[in-house]
Amino acid sequence: MNSEDAGKPVNPPCDVDELQALAEMWRQTPVAVPVPEVIRTKIRTQERRMRLYALLEWGLSIALCSVGVYLILSGGRSDAPWLGLLLVILTGWAMAFSVSSRRGLWSPLEESTRAYLDLALLRLVHKRRMLRFAWILFIAELGIFALWQWLSRFGWLEPIFAGDATFALSWISAFALGMGIWSAWYWRGIKNSEQQIAKWQRENIQVSAK
């Protein structure tokens, strides 16, 4: 090694600058905050319930539709094929909504607290839509039954509710009352979940700001 080589720095200035730049970038990179276990547990519990409810919906819908069509066709009604078709259409409509409204609700997009909370909010949107759809389906069924009953006066179809109309109105009123009570309870659960998520969001912002 000659005297000229001995006087040169070990690391060229460009290498030192690159190392300093990398060190600065590393210091500026935000540290990933782990997802709180309470939030992770809540989301996974909801997912298990969603899968269970989906299976129950499919099982009950298939059973109800199969038994209903069988009873209609074996009842000797002249309009049995139309009534059976109506039952299949209404059941298919309900299941199509159930499947489409659950898309994108099974797991978070990434492993972060914000992604988990966004997923929880999307699931609340699904619950609101499901509640609204339940009433839309109920009102649509009432309209169809009323139209069917009216057409039966001309002999085109057989009446769905034969005999005294008081029994039919009492049954419909009782069902509507039950739906109202269930809707109030369901809506209260949605509001409680919104408050809990808002609390988690505030806590996440405070942790991220530290």
N, C-alpha and C. Protein backbone atom coordinates (compact mmCIF):
# COMPACT_ATOMS: atom_id res chain seq x y z
N MET A 1 0.87 -1.19 0.00
CA MET A 1 0.00 0.00 0.00
C MET A 1 0.89 1.22 0.00
N ASN A 2 0.70 2.15 -0.94
CA ASN A 2 1.52 3.34 -1.04
C ASN A 2 0.97 4.44 -0.14
N SER A 3 1.65 5.54 -0.07
CA SER A 3 1.27 6.65 0.80
C SER A 3 -0.02 7.31 0.34
N GLU A 4 -0.28 7.29 -0.99
CA GLU A 4 -1.51 7.92 -1.50
C GLU A 4 -2.74 7.13 -1.06
N ASP A 5 -2.65 5.77 -1.11
CA ASP A 5 -3.77 4.94 -0.69
C ASP A 5 -4.03 5.06 0.80
N ALA A 6 -2.95 5.22 1.60
CA ALA A 6 -3.11 5.29 3.05
C ALA A 6 -3.86 6.54 3.47
N GLY A 7 -3.82 7.59 2.66
CA GLY A 7 -4.49 8.85 3.03
C GLY A 7 -5.94 8.90 2.64
N LYS A 8 -6.44 7.93 1.88
CA LYS A 8 -7.84 7.94 1.43
C LYS A 8 -8.75 7.42 2.53
N PRO A 9 -10.02 7.92 2.64
CA PRO A 9 -10.98 7.40 3.64
C PRO A 9 -11.38 5.99 3.30
N VAL A 10 -11.73 5.21 4.34
CA VAL A 10 -12.12 3.82 4.14
C VAL A 10 -13.40 3.72 3.34
N ASN A 11 -14.46 4.55 3.70
CA ASN A 11 -15.73 4.56 2.99
C ASN A 11 -15.83 5.83 2.16
N PRO A 12 -16.15 5.71 0.89
CA PRO A 12 -16.30 6.91 0.07
C PRO A 12 -17.43 7.78 0.62
N PRO A 13 -17.40 9.10 0.39
CA PRO A 13 -18.44 10.00 0.91
C PRO A 13 -19.83 9.62 0.42
N CYS A 14 -19.94 9.11 -0.83
CA CYS A 14 -21.25 8.76 -1.35
C CYS A 14 -21.89 7.63 -0.56
N ASP A 15 -21.08 6.64 -0.11
CA ASP A 15 -21.61 5.53 0.68
C ASP A 15 -22.09 6.01 2.04
N VAL A 16 -21.37 6.94 2.65
CA VAL A 16 -21.77 7.48 3.95
C VAL A 16 -23.09 8.22 3.82
N ASP A 17 -23.26 8.99 2.76
CA ASP A 17 -24.51 9.73 2.55
C ASP A 17 -25.69 8.78 2.36
N GLU A 18 -25.46 7.69 1.62
CA GLU A 18 -26.54 6.73 1.40
C GLU A 18 -26.94 6.06 2.70
N LEU A 19 -25.96 5.71 3.54
CA LEU A 19 -26.27 5.10 4.82
C LEU A 19 -27.05 6.05 5.72
N GLN A 20 -26.66 7.33 5.71
CA GLN A 20 -27.37 8.30 6.52
C GLN A 20 -28.81 8.49 6.03
N ALA A 21 -28.98 8.46 4.70
CA ALA A 21 -30.33 8.59 4.14
C ALA A 21 -31.21 7.41 4.52
N LEU A 22 -30.64 6.19 4.44
CA LEU A 22 -31.39 5.00 4.83
C LEU A 22 -31.76 5.03 6.31
N ALA A 23 -30.81 5.50 7.15
CA ALA A 23 -31.08 5.57 8.59
C ALA A 23 -32.19 6.58 8.87
N GLU A 24 -32.20 7.70 8.14
CA GLU A 24 -33.24 8.70 8.32
C GLU A 24 -34.60 8.17 7.89
N MET A 25 -34.64 7.44 6.76
CA MET A 25 -35.89 6.84 6.30
C MET A 25 -36.41 5.83 7.32
N TRP A 26 -35.52 5.05 7.90
CA TRP A 26 -35.93 4.05 8.89
C TRP A 26 -36.52 4.71 10.12
N ARG A 27 -35.94 5.85 10.54
CA ARG A 27 -36.47 6.56 11.71
C ARG A 27 -37.83 7.17 11.42
N GLN A 28 -38.06 7.60 10.18
CA GLN A 28 -39.32 8.23 9.82
C GLN A 28 -40.42 7.22 9.52
N THR A 29 -40.09 5.97 9.29
CA THR A 29 -41.11 4.96 8.99
C THR A 29 -41.97 4.71 10.22
N PRO A 30 -43.31 4.85 10.10
CA PRO A 30 -44.17 4.62 11.26
C PRO A 30 -44.14 3.16 11.71
N VAL A 31 -44.15 2.99 13.01
CA VAL A 31 -44.14 1.65 13.58
C VAL A 31 -45.56 1.09 13.56
N ALA A 32 -45.73 -0.09 13.03
CA ALA A 32 -47.06 -0.70 12.95
C ALA A 32 -47.57 -1.00 14.35
N VAL A 33 -48.75 -0.44 14.64
CA VAL A 33 -49.37 -0.66 15.96
C VAL A 33 -50.16 -1.97 15.90
N PRO A 34 -49.91 -2.89 16.80
CA PRO A 34 -50.65 -4.17 16.76
C PRO A 34 -52.13 -3.95 17.01
N VAL A 35 -52.95 -4.79 16.40
CA VAL A 35 -54.40 -4.69 16.56
C VAL A 35 -54.75 -5.14 17.98
N PRO A 36 -55.50 -4.32 18.73
CA PRO A 36 -55.89 -4.73 20.09
C PRO A 36 -56.65 -6.06 20.06
N GLU A 37 -56.37 -6.88 21.02
CA GLU A 37 -56.96 -8.21 21.03
C GLU A 37 -58.49 -8.16 21.17
N VAL A 38 -59.00 -7.16 21.89
CA VAL A 38 -60.45 -7.07 22.07
C VAL A 38 -61.15 -6.80 20.74
N ILE A 39 -60.52 -6.00 19.88
CA ILE A 39 -61.10 -5.72 18.56
C ILE A 39 -61.00 -6.94 17.67
N ARG A 40 -59.84 -7.60 17.68
CA ARG A 40 -59.65 -8.80 16.86
C ARG A 40 -60.65 -9.89 17.27
N THR A 41 -60.83 -10.06 18.58
CA THR A 41 -61.76 -11.08 19.07
C THR A 41 -63.19 -10.76 18.66
N LYS A 42 -63.56 -9.48 18.75
CA LYS A 42 -64.92 -9.06 18.38
C LYS A 42 -65.19 -9.33 16.91
N ILE A 43 -64.25 -9.01 16.05
CA ILE A 43 -64.43 -9.20 14.61
C ILE A 43 -64.51 -10.68 14.27
N ARG A 44 -63.68 -11.49 14.89
CA ARG A 44 -63.72 -12.93 14.60
C ARG A 44 -65.00 -13.57 15.13
N THR A 45 -65.48 -13.08 16.28
CA THR A 45 -66.76 -13.59 16.79
C THR A 45 -67.90 -13.25 15.84
N GLN A 46 -67.90 -12.02 15.32
CA GLN A 46 -68.90 -11.63 14.35
C GLN A 46 -68.83 -12.49 13.09
N GLU A 47 -67.61 -12.81 12.67
CA GLU A 47 -67.46 -13.63 11.47
C GLU A 47 -68.04 -15.03 11.68
N ARG A 48 -67.80 -15.61 12.84
CA ARG A 48 -68.37 -16.94 13.12
C ARG A 48 -69.89 -16.87 13.14
N ARG A 49 -70.44 -15.81 13.71
CA ARG A 49 -71.89 -15.67 13.73
C ARG A 49 -72.46 -15.49 12.33
N MET A 50 -71.77 -14.71 11.51
CA MET A 50 -72.23 -14.50 10.15
C MET A 50 -72.27 -15.81 9.38
N ARG A 51 -71.25 -16.62 9.54
CA ARG A 51 -71.24 -17.91 8.85
C ARG A 51 -72.36 -18.81 9.36
N LEU A 52 -72.58 -18.79 10.67
CA LEU A 52 -73.66 -19.61 11.24
C LEU A 52 -75.02 -19.12 10.74
N TYR A 53 -75.24 -17.80 10.74
CA TYR A 53 -76.51 -17.26 10.26
C TYR A 53 -76.72 -17.55 8.79
N ALA A 54 -75.64 -17.49 8.01
CA ALA A 54 -75.77 -17.77 6.58
C ALA A 54 -76.19 -19.22 6.36
N LEU A 55 -75.59 -20.14 7.11
CA LEU A 55 -75.97 -21.55 6.99
C LEU A 55 -77.42 -21.77 7.41
N LEU A 56 -77.82 -21.11 8.50
CA LEU A 56 -79.20 -21.24 8.97
C LEU A 56 -80.18 -20.67 7.94
N GLU A 57 -79.83 -19.54 7.35
CA GLU A 57 -80.70 -18.93 6.35
C GLU A 57 -80.89 -19.86 5.16
N TRP A 58 -79.78 -20.43 4.68
CA TRP A 58 -79.88 -21.35 3.54
C TRP A 58 -80.69 -22.60 3.91
N GLY A 59 -80.41 -23.15 5.08
CA GLY A 59 -81.13 -24.35 5.49
C GLY A 59 -82.62 -24.11 5.66
N LEU A 60 -82.98 -23.01 6.36
CA LEU A 60 -84.39 -22.70 6.57
C LEU A 60 -85.10 -22.35 5.27
N SER A 61 -84.40 -21.62 4.40
CA SER A 61 -85.01 -21.23 3.13
C SER A 61 -85.30 -22.44 2.25
N ILE A 62 -84.32 -23.35 2.18
CA ILE A 62 -84.53 -24.55 1.37
C ILE A 62 -85.64 -25.41 1.95
N ALA A 63 -85.64 -25.56 3.29
CA ALA A 63 -86.68 -26.37 3.93
C ALA A 63 -88.06 -25.73 3.76
N LEU A 64 -88.15 -24.43 4.00
CA LEU A 64 -89.42 -23.74 3.89
C LEU A 64 -89.95 -23.77 2.46
N CYS A 65 -89.06 -23.52 1.52
CA CYS A 65 -89.48 -23.52 0.12
C CYS A 65 -89.92 -24.92 -0.33
N SER A 66 -89.17 -25.93 0.06
CA SER A 66 -89.52 -27.31 -0.34
C SER A 66 -90.83 -27.75 0.26
N VAL A 67 -91.00 -27.53 1.58
CA VAL A 67 -92.24 -27.93 2.24
C VAL A 67 -93.41 -27.11 1.73
N GLY A 68 -93.19 -25.80 1.55
CA GLY A 68 -94.26 -24.95 1.08
C GLY A 68 -94.74 -25.33 -0.31
N VAL A 69 -93.80 -25.58 -1.22
CA VAL A 69 -94.18 -25.97 -2.58
C VAL A 69 -94.90 -27.32 -2.56
N TYR A 70 -94.41 -28.23 -1.74
CA TYR A 70 -95.07 -29.55 -1.67
C TYR A 70 -96.51 -29.42 -1.17
N LEU A 71 -96.72 -28.63 -0.10
CA LEU A 71 -98.06 -28.47 0.45
C LEU A 71 -98.98 -27.76 -0.54
N ILE A 72 -98.42 -26.80 -1.27
CA ILE A 72 -99.25 -26.07 -2.24
C ILE A 72 -99.68 -26.98 -3.38
N LEU A 73 -98.71 -27.73 -3.92
CA LEU A 73 -99.01 -28.59 -5.07
C LEU A 73 -99.91 -29.77 -4.68
N SER A 74 -99.80 -30.21 -3.44
CA SER A 74 -100.63 -31.35 -3.01
C SER A 74 -101.96 -30.91 -2.41
N GLY A 75 -102.21 -29.60 -2.38
CA GLY A 75 -103.44 -29.12 -1.77
C GLY A 75 -104.64 -29.11 -2.68
N GLY A 76 -104.44 -29.40 -3.94
CA GLY A 76 -105.55 -29.45 -4.88
C GLY A 76 -106.04 -28.11 -5.36
N ARG A 77 -105.23 -27.07 -5.19
CA ARG A 77 -105.62 -25.74 -5.68
C ARG A 77 -105.42 -25.67 -7.19
N SER A 78 -106.32 -24.98 -7.86
CA SER A 78 -106.17 -24.82 -9.31
C SER A 78 -105.04 -23.87 -9.67
N ASP A 79 -104.71 -22.95 -8.76
CA ASP A 79 -103.63 -21.99 -9.01
C ASP A 79 -102.35 -22.38 -8.27
N ALA A 80 -102.23 -23.67 -7.92
CA ALA A 80 -101.07 -24.13 -7.16
C ALA A 80 -99.74 -23.83 -7.85
N PRO A 81 -99.62 -24.04 -9.18
CA PRO A 81 -98.32 -23.73 -9.81
C PRO A 81 -97.93 -22.26 -9.66
N TRP A 82 -98.88 -21.35 -9.75
CA TRP A 82 -98.57 -19.92 -9.62
C TRP A 82 -98.21 -19.57 -8.18
N LEU A 83 -98.91 -20.16 -7.24
CA LEU A 83 -98.60 -19.90 -5.84
C LEU A 83 -97.24 -20.48 -5.46
N GLY A 84 -96.92 -21.67 -5.99
CA GLY A 84 -95.61 -22.25 -5.75
C GLY A 84 -94.50 -21.41 -6.37
N LEU A 85 -94.76 -20.92 -7.59
CA LEU A 85 -93.77 -20.07 -8.25
C LEU A 85 -93.55 -18.78 -7.47
N LEU A 86 -94.61 -18.22 -6.93
CA LEU A 86 -94.49 -17.00 -6.12
C LEU A 86 -93.63 -17.25 -4.89
N LEU A 87 -93.82 -18.39 -4.24
CA LEU A 87 -93.02 -18.72 -3.07
C LEU A 87 -91.55 -18.86 -3.43
N VAL A 88 -91.26 -19.51 -4.55
CA VAL A 88 -89.87 -19.68 -4.98
C VAL A 88 -89.24 -18.32 -5.30
N ILE A 89 -89.97 -17.44 -5.96
CA ILE A 89 -89.43 -16.13 -6.33
C ILE A 89 -89.12 -15.30 -5.09
N LEU A 90 -90.05 -15.27 -4.14
CA LEU A 90 -89.82 -14.49 -2.93
C LEU A 90 -88.64 -15.04 -2.12
N THR A 91 -88.56 -16.36 -2.02
CA THR A 91 -87.43 -16.96 -1.30
C THR A 91 -86.11 -16.69 -2.02
N GLY A 92 -86.11 -16.82 -3.36
CA GLY A 92 -84.91 -16.54 -4.12
C GLY A 92 -84.47 -15.09 -4.00
N TRP A 93 -85.42 -14.17 -3.98
CA TRP A 93 -85.11 -12.75 -3.82
C TRP A 93 -84.43 -12.51 -2.48
N ALA A 94 -84.98 -13.11 -1.43
CA ALA A 94 -84.40 -12.93 -0.10
C ALA A 94 -82.99 -13.50 -0.03
N MET A 95 -82.76 -14.67 -0.60
CA MET A 95 -81.44 -15.28 -0.54
C MET A 95 -80.43 -14.54 -1.41
N ALA A 96 -80.88 -14.02 -2.55
CA ALA A 96 -79.98 -13.23 -3.40
C ALA A 96 -79.51 -11.99 -2.66
N PHE A 97 -80.41 -11.34 -1.95
CA PHE A 97 -80.00 -10.18 -1.15
C PHE A 97 -79.03 -10.59 -0.05
N SER A 98 -79.32 -11.71 0.61
CA SER A 98 -78.46 -12.16 1.70
C SER A 98 -77.03 -12.41 1.23
N VAL A 99 -76.89 -13.03 0.07
CA VAL A 99 -75.55 -13.34 -0.45
C VAL A 99 -74.83 -12.08 -0.90
N SER A 100 -75.52 -11.22 -1.66
CA SER A 100 -74.87 -10.02 -2.20
C SER A 100 -74.50 -9.03 -1.11
N SER A 101 -75.31 -8.93 -0.06
CA SER A 101 -75.04 -7.94 0.98
C SER A 101 -73.89 -8.33 1.88
N ARG A 102 -73.48 -9.60 1.85
CA ARG A 102 -72.37 -10.05 2.69
C ARG A 102 -71.02 -10.02 1.98
N ARG A 103 -70.99 -9.61 0.74
CA ARG A 103 -69.71 -9.57 0.03
C ARG A 103 -68.78 -8.53 0.64
N GLY A 104 -67.53 -8.94 0.85
CA GLY A 104 -66.53 -8.04 1.40
C GLY A 104 -66.61 -7.86 2.90
N LEU A 105 -67.39 -8.69 3.59
CA LEU A 105 -67.58 -8.53 5.03
C LEU A 105 -66.93 -9.63 5.84
N TRP A 106 -66.17 -10.51 5.20
CA TRP A 106 -65.68 -11.68 5.92
C TRP A 106 -64.35 -11.42 6.64
N SER A 107 -63.46 -10.62 6.07
CA SER A 107 -62.16 -10.41 6.69
C SER A 107 -61.64 -9.02 6.33
N PRO A 108 -60.78 -8.43 7.19
CA PRO A 108 -60.24 -7.09 6.88
C PRO A 108 -59.27 -7.13 5.71
N LEU A 109 -59.08 -5.98 5.08
CA LEU A 109 -58.20 -5.91 3.92
C LEU A 109 -56.74 -6.02 4.31
N GLU A 110 -56.41 -5.63 5.52
CA GLU A 110 -55.02 -5.71 5.98
C GLU A 110 -55.02 -5.90 7.50
N GLU A 111 -53.86 -6.21 8.03
CA GLU A 111 -53.72 -6.47 9.46
C GLU A 111 -53.41 -5.16 10.18
N SER A 112 -54.44 -4.33 10.33
CA SER A 112 -54.28 -3.07 11.05
C SER A 112 -55.57 -2.76 11.79
N THR A 113 -55.46 -1.93 12.82
CA THR A 113 -56.64 -1.58 13.62
C THR A 113 -57.66 -0.84 12.77
N ARG A 114 -57.18 0.05 11.92
CA ARG A 114 -58.10 0.81 11.06
C ARG A 114 -58.88 -0.11 10.13
N ALA A 115 -58.21 -1.12 9.56
CA ALA A 115 -58.89 -2.05 8.66
C ALA A 115 -59.95 -2.85 9.41
N TYR A 116 -59.64 -3.25 10.63
CA TYR A 116 -60.61 -3.99 11.43
C TYR A 116 -61.83 -3.13 11.76
N LEU A 117 -61.59 -1.86 12.11
CA LEU A 117 -62.70 -0.97 12.44
C LEU A 117 -63.53 -0.62 11.20
N ASP A 118 -62.87 -0.46 10.06
CA ASP A 118 -63.61 -0.23 8.81
C ASP A 118 -64.50 -1.42 8.49
N LEU A 119 -63.99 -2.62 8.73
CA LEU A 119 -64.79 -3.82 8.49
C LEU A 119 -66.00 -3.86 9.43
N ALA A 120 -65.79 -3.48 10.68
CA ALA A 120 -66.90 -3.46 11.64
C ALA A 120 -67.97 -2.46 11.22
N LEU A 121 -67.55 -1.31 10.67
CA LEU A 121 -68.52 -0.32 10.19
C LEU A 121 -69.28 -0.84 8.97
N LEU A 122 -68.59 -1.53 8.08
CA LEU A 122 -69.26 -2.11 6.92
C LEU A 122 -70.29 -3.16 7.33
N ARG A 123 -69.99 -3.90 8.37
CA ARG A 123 -70.95 -4.89 8.85
C ARG A 123 -72.19 -4.23 9.44
N LEU A 124 -72.01 -3.05 10.03
CA LEU A 124 -73.18 -2.31 10.52
C LEU A 124 -74.02 -1.80 9.36
N VAL A 125 -73.37 -1.40 8.29
CA VAL A 125 -74.12 -0.99 7.08
C VAL A 125 -74.94 -2.18 6.57
N HIS A 126 -74.33 -3.36 6.57
CA HIS A 126 -75.05 -4.57 6.15
C HIS A 126 -76.27 -4.82 7.04
N LYS A 127 -76.12 -4.61 8.34
CA LYS A 127 -77.25 -4.84 9.25
C LYS A 127 -78.38 -3.86 8.97
N ARG A 128 -78.04 -2.60 8.70
CA ARG A 128 -79.09 -1.63 8.38
C ARG A 128 -79.81 -2.01 7.09
N ARG A 129 -79.04 -2.43 6.10
CA ARG A 129 -79.66 -2.85 4.84
C ARG A 129 -80.55 -4.07 5.04
N MET A 130 -80.10 -5.00 5.87
CA MET A 130 -80.89 -6.19 6.11
C MET A 130 -82.21 -5.85 6.81
N LEU A 131 -82.15 -4.93 7.76
CA LEU A 131 -83.37 -4.51 8.45
C LEU A 131 -84.33 -3.83 7.49
N ARG A 132 -83.79 -2.95 6.65
CA ARG A 132 -84.63 -2.27 5.66
C ARG A 132 -85.22 -3.26 4.66
N PHE A 133 -84.42 -4.23 4.24
CA PHE A 133 -84.90 -5.21 3.26
C PHE A 133 -86.00 -6.08 3.88
N ALA A 134 -85.88 -6.42 5.15
CA ALA A 134 -86.91 -7.24 5.80
C ALA A 134 -88.27 -6.57 5.74
N TRP A 135 -88.28 -5.25 5.94
CA TRP A 135 -89.56 -4.53 5.87
C TRP A 135 -90.04 -4.39 4.44
N ILE A 136 -89.10 -4.18 3.52
CA ILE A 136 -89.49 -4.09 2.11
C ILE A 136 -90.12 -5.41 1.65
N LEU A 137 -89.49 -6.53 2.04
CA LEU A 137 -90.03 -7.84 1.67
C LEU A 137 -91.41 -8.06 2.30
N PHE A 138 -91.57 -7.66 3.55
CA PHE A 138 -92.85 -7.84 4.23
C PHE A 138 -93.94 -7.02 3.55
N ILE A 139 -93.64 -5.77 3.22
CA ILE A 139 -94.63 -4.91 2.56
C ILE A 139 -94.94 -5.42 1.16
N ALA A 140 -93.90 -5.91 0.45
CA ALA A 140 -94.12 -6.46 -0.88
C ALA A 140 -95.03 -7.69 -0.82
N GLU A 141 -94.82 -8.52 0.18
CA GLU A 141 -95.67 -9.71 0.33
C GLU A 141 -97.12 -9.31 0.62
N LEU A 142 -97.30 -8.31 1.48
CA LEU A 142 -98.66 -7.84 1.76
C LEU A 142 -99.33 -7.32 0.50
N GLY A 143 -98.57 -6.57 -0.31
CA GLY A 143 -99.13 -6.06 -1.55
C GLY A 143 -99.51 -7.17 -2.52
N ILE A 144 -98.63 -8.17 -2.62
CA ILE A 144 -98.92 -9.30 -3.51
C ILE A 144 -100.14 -10.08 -3.03
N PHE A 145 -100.21 -10.34 -1.73
CA PHE A 145 -101.36 -11.07 -1.19
C PHE A 145 -102.66 -10.29 -1.37
N ALA A 146 -102.59 -8.96 -1.19
CA ALA A 146 -103.79 -8.14 -1.38
C ALA A 146 -104.24 -8.18 -2.84
N LEU A 147 -103.28 -8.09 -3.76
CA LEU A 147 -103.61 -8.17 -5.18
C LEU A 147 -104.17 -9.54 -5.54
N TRP A 148 -103.55 -10.58 -4.99
CA TRP A 148 -104.03 -11.95 -5.23
C TRP A 148 -105.46 -12.11 -4.72
N GLN A 149 -105.70 -11.59 -3.53
CA GLN A 149 -107.04 -11.70 -2.95
C GLN A 149 -108.07 -10.94 -3.79
N TRP A 150 -107.66 -9.81 -4.32
CA TRP A 150 -108.58 -9.01 -5.14
C TRP A 150 -108.88 -9.72 -6.47
N LEU A 151 -107.84 -10.31 -7.09
CA LEU A 151 -108.04 -11.03 -8.34
C LEU A 151 -108.91 -12.27 -8.15
N SER A 152 -108.89 -12.82 -6.94
CA SER A 152 -109.71 -14.02 -6.69
C SER A 152 -111.20 -13.71 -6.75
N ARG A 153 -111.56 -12.44 -6.60
CA ARG A 153 -112.97 -12.07 -6.68
C ARG A 153 -113.52 -12.25 -8.09
N PHE A 154 -112.63 -12.23 -9.08
CA PHE A 154 -113.05 -12.40 -10.46
C PHE A 154 -112.92 -13.85 -10.93
N GLY A 155 -112.50 -14.74 -10.03
CA GLY A 155 -112.37 -16.14 -10.37
C GLY A 155 -111.11 -16.50 -11.09
N TRP A 156 -110.16 -15.55 -11.22
CA TRP A 156 -108.90 -15.85 -11.91
C TRP A 156 -107.97 -16.68 -11.02
N LEU A 157 -108.02 -16.43 -9.72
CA LEU A 157 -107.18 -17.14 -8.76
C LEU A 157 -108.04 -17.53 -7.57
N GLU A 158 -107.56 -18.46 -6.80
CA GLU A 158 -108.25 -18.82 -5.58
C GLU A 158 -107.76 -17.91 -4.44
N PRO A 159 -108.64 -17.53 -3.52
CA PRO A 159 -108.21 -16.65 -2.43
C PRO A 159 -107.19 -17.32 -1.52
N ILE A 160 -106.23 -16.53 -1.10
CA ILE A 160 -105.22 -17.04 -0.17
C ILE A 160 -105.83 -17.18 1.22
N PHE A 161 -106.58 -16.16 1.63
CA PHE A 161 -107.26 -16.19 2.92
C PHE A 161 -108.74 -16.40 2.68
N ALA A 162 -109.19 -17.60 2.88
CA ALA A 162 -110.60 -17.91 2.66
C ALA A 162 -111.37 -17.75 3.97
N GLY A 163 -112.67 -17.46 3.85
CA GLY A 163 -113.51 -17.36 5.03
C GLY A 163 -113.44 -15.99 5.67
N ASP A 164 -113.44 -15.95 7.00
CA ASP A 164 -113.47 -14.70 7.74
C ASP A 164 -112.15 -13.96 7.60
N ALA A 165 -112.23 -12.68 7.20
CA ALA A 165 -111.02 -11.88 7.02
C ALA A 165 -110.43 -11.43 8.35
N THR A 166 -111.19 -11.53 9.42
CA THR A 166 -110.69 -11.10 10.73
C THR A 166 -109.49 -11.92 11.17
N PHE A 167 -109.54 -13.21 10.89
CA PHE A 167 -108.41 -14.08 11.27
C PHE A 167 -107.14 -13.67 10.52
N ALA A 168 -107.29 -13.41 9.23
CA ALA A 168 -106.14 -13.02 8.43
C ALA A 168 -105.55 -11.69 8.90
N LEU A 169 -106.44 -10.71 9.17
CA LEU A 169 -105.96 -9.41 9.64
C LEU A 169 -105.31 -9.53 11.01
N SER A 170 -105.83 -10.38 11.86
CA SER A 170 -105.23 -10.57 13.18
C SER A 170 -103.85 -11.19 13.07
N TRP A 171 -103.71 -12.17 12.18
CA TRP A 171 -102.41 -12.82 11.98
C TRP A 171 -101.39 -11.84 11.43
N ILE A 172 -101.80 -11.03 10.45
CA ILE A 172 -100.90 -10.04 9.86
C ILE A 172 -100.50 -8.98 10.89
N SER A 173 -101.45 -8.53 11.69
CA SER A 173 -101.16 -7.53 12.71
C SER A 173 -100.18 -8.07 13.75
N ALA A 174 -100.39 -9.32 14.16
CA ALA A 174 -99.49 -9.92 15.15
C ALA A 174 -98.08 -10.07 14.59
N PHE A 175 -97.99 -10.45 13.33
CA PHE A 175 -96.67 -10.59 12.70
C PHE A 175 -95.99 -9.24 12.58
N ALA A 176 -96.76 -8.20 12.19
CA ALA A 176 -96.19 -6.85 12.07
C ALA A 176 -95.72 -6.33 13.43
N LEU A 177 -96.48 -6.64 14.48
CA LEU A 177 -96.08 -6.22 15.82
C LEU A 177 -94.78 -6.92 16.23
N GLY A 178 -94.70 -8.21 15.94
CA GLY A 178 -93.47 -8.94 16.25
C GLY A 178 -92.27 -8.38 15.48
N MET A 179 -92.47 -8.03 14.23
CA MET A 179 -91.38 -7.45 13.45
C MET A 179 -90.97 -6.09 14.00
N GLY A 180 -91.97 -5.33 14.48
CA GLY A 180 -91.65 -4.03 15.05
C GLY A 180 -90.81 -4.14 16.31
N ILE A 181 -91.17 -5.08 17.18
CA ILE A 181 -90.39 -5.30 18.40
C ILE A 181 -88.98 -5.77 18.07
N TRP A 182 -88.89 -6.71 17.13
CA TRP A 182 -87.56 -7.20 16.72
C TRP A 182 -86.73 -6.09 16.09
N SER A 183 -87.35 -5.24 15.28
CA SER A 183 -86.62 -4.15 14.62
C SER A 183 -86.08 -3.16 15.64
N ALA A 184 -86.89 -2.83 16.67
CA ALA A 184 -86.44 -1.90 17.70
C ALA A 184 -85.24 -2.49 18.46
N TRP A 185 -85.34 -3.78 18.79
CA TRP A 185 -84.21 -4.43 19.48
C TRP A 185 -82.99 -4.48 18.58
N TYR A 186 -83.15 -4.78 17.31
CA TYR A 186 -82.04 -4.90 16.38
C TYR A 186 -81.38 -3.54 16.15
N TRP A 187 -82.20 -2.49 16.03
CA TRP A 187 -81.68 -1.14 15.81
C TRP A 187 -80.90 -0.66 17.04
N ARG A 188 -81.37 -1.01 18.20
CA ARG A 188 -80.64 -0.65 19.42
C ARG A 188 -79.27 -1.31 19.45
N GLY A 189 -79.20 -2.57 19.02
CA GLY A 189 -77.91 -3.24 18.94
C GLY A 189 -76.96 -2.56 17.97
N ILE A 190 -77.49 -2.07 16.85
CA ILE A 190 -76.66 -1.35 15.88
C ILE A 190 -76.10 -0.08 16.50
N LYS A 191 -76.95 0.67 17.20
CA LYS A 191 -76.50 1.91 17.82
C LYS A 191 -75.45 1.66 18.89
N ASN A 192 -75.62 0.61 19.68
CA ASN A 192 -74.61 0.28 20.69
C ASN A 192 -73.28 -0.08 20.04
N SER A 193 -73.34 -0.81 18.92
CA SER A 193 -72.11 -1.16 18.21
C SER A 193 -71.44 0.08 17.64
N GLU A 194 -72.21 1.02 17.15
CA GLU A 194 -71.65 2.28 16.62
C GLU A 194 -70.89 3.04 17.71
N GLN A 195 -71.48 3.10 18.91
CA GLN A 195 -70.82 3.79 20.01
C GLN A 195 -69.52 3.09 20.39
N GLN A 196 -69.52 1.76 20.39
CA GLN A 196 -68.31 1.03 20.74
C GLN A 196 -67.22 1.24 19.69
N ILE A 197 -67.59 1.22 18.42
CA ILE A 197 -66.61 1.43 17.36
C ILE A 197 -66.04 2.84 17.42
N ALA A 198 -66.91 3.83 17.69
CA ALA A 198 -66.43 5.21 17.82
C ALA A 198 -65.42 5.34 18.95
N LYS A 199 -65.66 4.63 20.05
CA LYS A 199 -64.71 4.64 21.16
C LYS A 199 -63.39 4.01 20.75
N TRP A 200 -63.43 2.90 20.04
CA TRP A 200 -62.20 2.26 19.57
C TRP A 200 -61.45 3.16 18.59
N GLN A 201 -62.18 3.88 17.75
CA GLN A 201 -61.53 4.78 16.80
C GLN A 201 -60.78 5.89 17.51
N ARG A 202 -61.40 6.46 18.54
CA ARG A 202 -60.72 7.51 19.31
C ARG A 202 -59.47 6.97 19.98
N GLU A 203 -59.57 5.77 20.54
CA GLU A 203 -58.40 5.17 21.19
C GLU A 203 -57.31 4.88 20.17
N ASN A 204 -57.67 4.45 18.96
CA ASN A 204 -56.67 4.16 17.93
C ASN A 204 -55.97 5.42 17.48
N ILE A 205 -56.72 6.54 17.38
CA ILE A 205 -56.11 7.82 16.97
C ILE A 205 -55.12 8.28 18.03
N GLN A 206 -55.49 8.12 19.30
CA GLN A 206 -54.59 8.53 20.38
C GLN A 206 -53.32 7.70 20.40
N VAL A 207 -53.44 6.39 20.16
CA VAL A 207 -52.25 5.53 20.15
C VAL A 207 -51.36 5.85 18.97
N SER A 208 -51.97 6.10 17.79
CA SER A 208 -51.19 6.39 16.58
C SER A 208 -50.48 7.73 16.69
N ALA A 209 -51.06 8.67 17.47
CA ALA A 209 -50.46 9.99 17.58
C ALA A 209 -49.25 10.01 18.49
N LYS A 210 -49.09 8.97 19.32
CA LYS A 210 -47.95 8.92 20.24
C LYS A 210 -46.65 8.63 19.51
